[in-house]
Protein backbone atom coordinates (compact mmCIF):
# COMPACT_ATOMS: atom_id res chain seq x y z
CA MET A 1 25.20 100.53 -11.80
CA ASN A 2 22.51 102.63 -13.35
CA ALA A 3 24.30 104.48 -16.97
CA PRO A 4 22.94 108.12 -17.05
CA GLU A 5 20.20 109.24 -19.77
CA ASN A 6 22.42 110.07 -23.40
CA ALA A 7 25.00 107.67 -22.16
CA VAL A 8 26.00 103.79 -23.85
CA PHE A 9 23.49 101.27 -21.50
CA ARG A 10 25.65 98.05 -20.81
CA LEU A 11 23.02 95.27 -20.57
CA ALA A 12 24.22 91.74 -19.29
CA HIS A 13 22.44 88.89 -20.45
CA LEU A 14 22.40 85.41 -19.02
CA SER A 15 19.88 82.77 -18.25
CA ASP A 16 18.58 79.33 -17.15
CA LEU A 17 21.49 79.07 -13.89
CA HIS A 18 20.32 75.28 -13.06
CA LEU A 19 22.00 76.10 -9.34
CA PRO A 20 23.23 72.79 -8.15
CA MET A 21 20.54 70.67 -5.80
CA ALA A 22 20.87 69.40 -2.21
CA ASP A 23 21.40 66.16 -1.84
CA ALA A 24 18.01 66.00 0.65
CA PRO A 25 15.02 63.29 -0.04
CA LEU A 26 12.29 64.45 -1.62
CA SER A 27 8.88 64.41 0.36
CA LEU A 28 6.09 62.31 0.01
CA ARG A 29 4.52 64.76 -1.92
CA ASP A 30 6.84 65.35 -4.29
CA LEU A 31 7.55 61.68 -5.03
CA PHE A 32 3.89 61.84 -6.29
CA SER A 33 4.68 64.57 -8.00
CA LYS A 34 6.26 66.09 -11.51
CA ARG A 35 9.72 66.67 -8.91
CA LEU A 36 10.44 62.61 -8.99
CA PHE A 37 11.22 62.48 -12.68
CA SER A 38 12.96 65.93 -12.94
CA ARG A 39 15.06 65.12 -9.86
CA ILE A 40 15.80 61.27 -11.45
CA SER A 41 17.21 63.34 -14.50
CA TRP A 42 19.02 66.00 -12.69
CA LEU A 43 20.82 63.05 -10.87
CA THR A 44 21.26 60.88 -13.64
CA LYS A 45 22.39 63.50 -16.49
CA ARG A 46 21.58 67.21 -15.98
CA ARG A 47 24.17 67.46 -12.76
CA HIS A 48 27.12 66.92 -14.40
CA ILE A 49 26.02 69.23 -17.60
CA HIS A 50 25.12 72.19 -15.45
CA ARG A 51 28.05 72.62 -13.68
CA PRO A 52 29.01 75.44 -10.17
CA GLU A 53 32.22 75.92 -11.10
CA VAL A 54 31.37 77.16 -14.68
CA LEU A 55 28.72 79.58 -13.07
CA ASP A 56 31.60 80.77 -11.01
CA LEU A 57 34.13 81.68 -13.80
CA LEU A 58 30.92 82.92 -16.16
CA ILE A 59 30.04 85.38 -12.90
CA ALA A 60 33.66 86.50 -12.81
CA ASP A 61 34.01 87.09 -16.53
CA LEU A 62 30.54 88.88 -16.58
CA LEU A 63 31.70 91.35 -13.59
CA ALA A 64 34.90 92.17 -14.89
CA GLN A 65 32.78 93.76 -17.63
CA GLY A 66 31.32 96.02 -15.57
CA PRO A 67 27.70 96.22 -17.19
CA ASP A 68 25.48 98.77 -16.16
CA HIS A 69 22.69 95.91 -15.40
CA VAL A 70 22.07 92.27 -15.33
CA ALA A 71 19.06 90.45 -16.83
CA VAL A 72 18.31 86.73 -15.89
CA THR A 73 15.79 84.99 -17.86
CA GLY A 74 14.64 82.26 -16.23
CA ASP A 75 15.22 78.53 -14.69
CA VAL A 76 17.68 79.58 -11.67
CA THR A 77 15.90 76.33 -10.19
CA ASN A 78 15.60 72.98 -11.26
CA LEU A 79 12.51 71.35 -9.10
CA SER A 80 11.27 74.45 -7.34
CA LEU A 81 12.11 72.80 -3.94
CA PRO A 82 12.34 75.85 -1.07
CA ASP A 83 15.27 74.90 -0.33
CA GLU A 84 16.58 75.92 -4.16
CA PHE A 85 14.78 79.04 -3.53
CA ASP A 86 16.39 79.52 -0.52
CA ARG A 87 20.23 79.33 -1.86
CA SER A 88 19.47 80.98 -4.97
CA PHE A 89 19.34 84.23 -3.01
CA ALA A 90 23.54 84.33 -2.76
CA TRP A 91 23.52 83.42 -6.02
CA LEU A 92 21.30 86.39 -7.68
CA ASP A 93 23.33 88.46 -4.69
CA ARG A 94 26.64 88.19 -6.13
CA LEU A 95 25.11 89.68 -9.50
CA GLY A 96 24.59 93.08 -7.72
CA ALA A 97 22.24 95.08 -5.66
CA SER A 98 19.06 93.92 -6.80
CA GLU A 99 17.72 97.39 -7.96
CA ASN A 100 20.59 96.43 -10.96
CA VAL A 101 19.42 93.01 -11.74
CA THR A 102 15.91 91.98 -13.28
CA LEU A 103 15.05 88.61 -13.04
CA ILE A 104 12.04 86.63 -14.52
CA PRO A 105 10.95 83.32 -14.07
CA GLY A 106 11.38 80.07 -15.98
CA ASN A 107 9.98 77.28 -16.15
CA HIS A 108 11.45 75.25 -13.80
CA ASP A 109 11.10 77.64 -11.44
CA ARG A 110 7.19 76.47 -11.71
CA LEU A 111 7.76 73.09 -12.07
CA VAL A 112 4.79 72.08 -10.01
CA ALA A 113 1.53 74.37 -8.58
CA LEU A 114 3.01 76.16 -5.58
CA LYS A 115 0.96 77.84 -2.32
CA GLN A 116 0.49 81.67 -3.12
CA GLY A 117 3.68 83.46 -1.79
CA GLU A 118 5.91 80.54 -2.66
CA GLY A 119 8.18 79.65 -5.53
CA PRO A 120 9.21 82.67 -7.63
CA ALA A 121 7.14 84.85 -5.57
CA ARG A 122 9.78 85.06 -3.13
CA TRP A 123 12.18 86.98 -6.01
CA SER A 124 10.11 89.86 -5.27
CA ARG A 125 13.33 92.28 -4.70
CA TRP A 126 14.65 91.29 -8.14
CA MET A 127 11.29 90.46 -9.85
CA GLN A 128 8.88 93.78 -9.61
CA GLY A 129 8.53 97.07 -11.04
CA ASP A 130 9.48 100.64 -10.22
CA ASP A 131 6.08 101.16 -8.83
CA LYS A 132 7.22 98.06 -6.29
CA SER A 133 4.29 96.11 -8.03
CA SER A 134 5.06 92.35 -8.85
CA GLU A 135 2.15 92.02 -11.23
CA PHE A 136 3.61 91.26 -14.65
CA PRO A 137 4.32 92.58 -16.96
CA PHE A 138 6.69 94.57 -14.72
CA VAL A 139 8.56 97.59 -15.85
CA ARG A 140 11.94 99.12 -15.18
CA VAL A 141 13.12 102.21 -16.19
CA ARG A 142 16.82 102.55 -16.37
CA GLY A 143 18.05 105.93 -17.99
CA SER A 144 16.48 105.94 -21.48
CA VAL A 145 15.94 101.92 -21.36
CA ALA A 146 12.96 99.91 -20.46
CA LEU A 147 13.54 96.42 -18.74
CA VAL A 148 9.75 94.45 -19.18
CA GLY A 149 9.46 91.43 -17.50
CA VAL A 150 7.31 88.95 -18.80
CA ASN A 151 6.51 85.65 -17.35
CA THR A 152 5.53 82.46 -19.25
CA ALA A 153 6.36 79.83 -16.26
CA VAL A 154 3.23 78.50 -15.41
CA PRO A 155 3.33 74.29 -14.14
CA THR A 156 2.74 71.99 -16.85
CA PRO A 157 1.95 68.03 -17.05
CA LEU A 158 4.79 65.05 -16.96
CA PHE A 159 7.12 65.57 -19.44
CA GLN A 160 6.08 68.81 -20.57
CA ALA A 161 7.94 72.36 -20.28
CA SER A 162 5.71 74.64 -22.41
CA GLY A 163 4.88 77.68 -21.72
CA ARG A 164 1.98 80.33 -21.89
CA ALA A 165 1.68 84.40 -21.42
CA GLY A 166 -2.03 84.66 -21.24
CA ALA A 167 -4.66 86.89 -22.71
CA ASP A 168 -4.35 89.13 -20.06
CA GLN A 169 -1.21 90.04 -19.36
CA ILE A 170 -0.54 89.97 -23.54
CA ALA A 171 -3.11 92.87 -23.08
CA ALA A 172 -0.95 94.87 -20.11
CA LEU A 173 1.76 94.20 -22.35
CA ILE A 174 0.43 95.77 -25.32
CA SER A 175 -0.45 98.88 -23.06
CA ARG A 176 2.69 99.23 -21.37
CA LEU A 177 4.97 98.78 -24.46
CA ALA A 178 2.80 101.45 -26.38
CA GLU A 179 3.35 103.68 -23.13
CA LEU A 180 7.04 103.18 -23.13
CA GLY A 181 7.33 103.81 -26.73
CA ALA A 182 5.59 106.74 -26.65
CA ARG A 183 7.96 108.55 -24.42
CA GLY A 184 10.82 107.60 -26.43
CA LEU A 185 12.19 104.94 -24.56
CA TYR A 186 14.43 101.58 -25.66
CA ARG A 187 12.10 98.99 -24.89
CA ILE A 188 13.38 94.90 -24.11
CA VAL A 189 10.98 92.85 -23.52
CA LEU A 190 12.43 90.03 -20.85
CA ILE A 191 10.64 86.61 -21.72
CA HIS A 192 11.71 82.90 -20.98
CA HIS A 193 10.73 80.90 -23.76
CA PRO A 194 11.01 81.85 -27.14
CA ILE A 195 8.59 83.49 -29.29
CA GLY A 196 9.42 82.45 -32.92
CA GLU A 197 8.38 79.38 -34.99
CA GLY A 198 9.98 76.33 -34.78
CA LEU A 199 12.77 76.79 -32.08
CA ALA A 200 11.11 74.25 -29.65
CA SER A 201 8.66 71.26 -29.93
CA GLU A 202 5.22 71.88 -28.78
CA ARG A 203 6.09 70.00 -25.57
CA LYS A 204 8.48 73.11 -24.54
CA ALA A 205 7.35 75.96 -26.53
CA LEU A 206 5.50 78.97 -25.50
CA LYS A 207 2.13 77.88 -26.77
CA ASP A 208 0.70 81.45 -27.33
CA ARG A 209 4.03 82.54 -29.20
CA ALA A 210 1.79 84.05 -31.86
CA ASP A 211 -0.19 86.29 -29.83
CA LEU A 212 2.87 87.54 -28.25
CA ARG A 213 4.57 88.57 -31.67
CA ALA A 214 1.07 90.35 -32.39
CA ALA A 215 1.09 92.14 -29.28
CA ILE A 216 4.91 93.29 -30.57
CA ALA A 217 3.60 93.79 -34.36
CA GLU A 218 1.53 96.36 -32.71
CA ALA A 219 2.60 97.84 -29.66
CA GLY A 220 6.48 97.40 -30.96
CA ALA A 221 9.87 96.88 -29.14
CA GLU A 222 13.65 97.39 -29.66
CA LEU A 223 15.10 94.11 -28.70
CA VAL A 224 13.32 90.33 -26.71
CA LEU A 225 15.56 88.03 -25.31
CA HIS A 226 15.05 84.82 -23.86
CA GLY A 227 16.56 81.66 -22.73
CA HIS A 228 14.70 77.79 -22.36
CA ASN A 229 16.64 76.41 -25.30
CA HIS A 230 19.83 76.24 -23.69
CA THR A 231 21.30 77.57 -27.22
CA ALA A 232 22.51 80.87 -29.00
CA GLU A 233 19.55 82.10 -31.20
CA PHE A 234 19.15 85.55 -32.98
CA TYR A 235 15.98 85.82 -35.17
CA ALA A 236 13.47 88.80 -35.77
CA VAL A 237 9.99 89.11 -35.36
CA ASP A 238 7.39 91.82 -36.80
CA GLY A 239 7.32 95.08 -35.69
CA PRO A 240 5.04 98.18 -36.11
CA GLY A 241 8.31 100.35 -37.78
CA GLY A 242 10.01 97.24 -38.53
CA PRO A 243 11.52 93.94 -37.80
CA VAL A 244 12.19 93.16 -34.23
CA PRO A 245 15.49 91.78 -32.87
CA VAL A 246 15.04 88.23 -30.65
CA ILE A 247 18.39 87.21 -28.95
CA GLY A 248 18.46 83.85 -27.29
CA VAL A 249 21.46 83.02 -25.17
CA PRO A 250 22.38 79.09 -23.80
CA SER A 251 22.61 77.69 -20.01
CA ALA A 252 24.98 79.71 -18.07
CA SER A 253 25.95 76.65 -16.24
CA THR A 254 26.86 73.81 -19.34
CA ILE A 255 30.37 72.31 -19.42
CA ALA A 256 32.45 73.02 -22.81
CA THR A 257 34.03 69.74 -24.65
CA GLU A 258 36.33 69.51 -27.46
CA LYS A 259 33.82 67.82 -29.61
CA GLU A 260 31.29 71.30 -29.25
CA ALA A 261 34.42 73.53 -29.61
CA GLN A 262 34.63 71.57 -33.13
CA PRO A 263 34.42 74.43 -36.41
CA GLY A 264 31.03 74.30 -37.31
CA ARG A 265 29.33 72.78 -34.48
CA ILE A 266 27.11 74.47 -32.28
CA ASN A 267 28.34 75.15 -29.41
CA HIS A 268 25.97 74.70 -25.98
CA ALA A 269 28.77 75.27 -23.65
CA ALA A 270 28.27 78.48 -21.02
CA ARG A 271 27.39 81.70 -22.55
CA TRP A 272 26.20 85.83 -21.67
CA HIS A 273 25.89 88.26 -23.94
CA LEU A 274 26.65 91.94 -23.69
CA MET A 275 24.53 94.55 -25.08
CA GLU A 276 25.33 98.12 -25.68
CA ILE A 277 23.17 100.36 -26.03
CA ALA A 278 22.95 104.05 -27.09
CA GLU A 279 21.06 106.54 -28.38
CA THR A 280 21.99 108.34 -31.89
CA PRO A 281 20.82 111.19 -34.25
CA ALA A 282 18.82 108.45 -36.09
CA GLY A 283 17.55 106.80 -33.14
CA TRP A 284 19.36 103.56 -31.68
CA ARG A 285 22.63 101.57 -31.98
CA THR A 286 22.99 97.99 -30.56
CA GLU A 287 26.23 96.18 -29.92
CA VAL A 288 26.01 92.96 -29.33
CA THR A 289 29.26 90.57 -27.93
CA ALA A 290 28.86 87.26 -27.27
CA ARG A 291 31.18 85.92 -24.43
CA ARG A 292 31.54 81.91 -23.49
CA LEU A 293 33.52 79.19 -22.05
CA THR A 294 36.18 77.25 -23.40
CA PRO A 295 37.19 73.50 -23.07
CA SER A 296 40.33 75.66 -21.20
CA GLY A 297 37.87 77.25 -18.88
CA THR A 298 38.01 80.41 -19.49
CA PHE A 299 35.66 83.03 -21.80
CA GLU A 300 36.21 84.01 -24.84
CA ILE A 301 34.45 86.47 -27.45
CA CYS A 302 32.86 84.16 -29.65
CA GLY A 303 30.86 86.82 -31.88
CA LYS A 304 29.98 90.31 -31.84
CA PHE A 305 27.44 92.10 -34.32
CA ALA A 306 25.42 95.49 -33.92
CA PHE A 307 21.83 96.51 -35.64
CA ASP A 308 20.22 99.93 -35.92
CA ALA A 309 16.63 101.02 -35.03
CA PRO A 310 14.85 104.34 -35.12
CA GLN A 311 13.04 105.69 -31.57
CA ALA A 312 9.84 104.97 -31.11
CA ALA A 313 8.60 108.22 -30.43
CA LEU A 314 10.27 109.37 -33.75
CA SER A 315 8.58 106.17 -36.13
CA ILE A 316 5.55 107.18 -34.31
CA ALA A 317 5.79 110.87 -35.11
CA SER A 318 6.45 110.10 -38.97
């Protein structure tokens, strides 16, 4: 599915799959952890909202568009239980070969402290750089596009869903973005939590979002993609050569209702975005197509927009 250089690169973005959970009882240890309350939330509410049949429809619609690459920005699981990771492999394999699917973890994938080698570490074939390193931020280059995976998933106290990138990872991110920009690549930062202000309550927000924005302002990027909020969001943050677009996508498994579909209401139904990226004489052209689930159970285009950006190497030279 890799696009050749100088061709249109078609990237599909989805997030917050929240795969269905088995009904197996929690262990005694889990009963004294955050997992108990999250399990109660799943049984009483979330399992009625996040439906496997919806995700089936979305994956079928996504694959029918034939993207070159798929980016998943976290929250594949709910309680980060071993069984959830066991069953996640088959779902991820449906999206394509691991070299054509890039994954980063979300807060639900690190709900509690895990032993080394457990949890998201088991996703290494989807979550590592071209150098086979699983250290964040990792880099995958596909044609003229560089996908940069950032980890903001950390265990948090009860009733918290916040994230943190950490000073070391942010410093490494600056270095990697600067290097990729010097090569004239289109840099896409993949992150779970939104990086803008006022988009999430403090208990759900990225704690060092200001530092992350400062890193992008210094080193630059062409696009940032995230999930977490289960809503569609489009905004911009500062970059060294101008605004950097940031796009958030709703959950990939959320049901659609007639009420949500009414004009003038935010639609939180399952949605995914297709980015078509092409080099132009002036830099880059990005066309975005948003596709969402309708109450009738089909996917439709719900919006299209485009933006241009100078190539980073050209910006540096000028």
